[in-house]
Protein backbone atom coordinates (compact mmCIF):
# COMPACT_ATOMS: atom_id res chain seq x y z
CA MET A 1 22.31 6.76 12.96
CA THR A 2 18.66 7.66 13.17
CA ASP A 3 15.94 5.84 11.23
CA ALA A 4 15.66 8.88 8.96
CA GLU A 5 19.39 8.71 8.18
CA HIS A 6 18.91 5.04 7.22
CA GLY A 7 16.04 6.00 4.91
CA ARG A 8 13.42 4.44 7.20
CA VAL A 9 10.82 7.18 7.05
CA VAL A 10 7.09 6.98 6.36
CA ARG A 11 5.69 10.08 4.70
CA ALA A 12 1.93 10.30 5.04
CA ALA A 13 -0.98 12.67 5.38
CA HIS A 14 -4.05 11.90 7.43
CA THR A 15 -7.56 13.02 8.22
CA ASP A 16 -9.99 11.63 10.77
CA SER A 17 -10.99 8.88 8.31
CA THR A 18 -8.04 8.23 5.96
CA VAL A 19 -4.28 7.82 5.83
CA SER A 20 -2.44 8.46 2.56
CA ALA A 21 1.16 7.23 2.51
CA TYR A 22 3.87 8.20 0.02
CA GLN A 23 5.78 5.35 -1.62
CA ALA A 24 8.69 5.86 -3.99
CA TYR A 25 9.10 3.47 -6.91
CA PRO A 26 12.00 3.00 -9.32
CA GLN A 27 11.59 4.60 -12.72
CA ASP A 28 11.01 1.25 -14.49
CA ILE A 29 7.88 0.78 -12.36
CA ALA A 30 6.79 4.42 -12.10
CA GLU A 31 6.82 5.34 -15.80
CA PRO A 32 4.53 2.52 -17.02
CA ALA A 33 2.22 3.11 -14.04
CA LEU A 34 1.93 6.81 -14.82
CA ARG A 35 1.16 6.11 -18.48
CA ALA A 36 -1.46 3.47 -17.60
CA ARG A 37 -2.81 5.39 -14.57
CA ALA A 38 -2.61 2.06 -12.71
CA PHE A 39 0.07 -0.34 -11.57
CA VAL A 40 1.12 -2.58 -14.44
CA ALA A 41 4.12 -4.84 -15.10
CA PRO A 42 6.83 -4.85 -13.91
CA PHE A 43 4.97 -3.93 -10.66
CA LYS A 44 4.17 -7.03 -8.56
CA ARG A 45 1.66 -6.68 -5.74
CA GLU A 46 3.06 -9.80 -4.04
CA ARG A 47 6.40 -8.03 -3.57
CA MET A 48 4.91 -5.20 -1.50
CA THR A 49 6.20 -4.97 2.06
């Protein structure tokens, strides 16, 4: 299997000075973050990979 078939894909856009990467989050993290317009619990920065 390819990395893409395993779900190992980085989706990003770039310019000469920035890289913006897409990261999917489960709904229990995404919904509170969208309401607060910032990452809030249950998001944990120390769990980022």
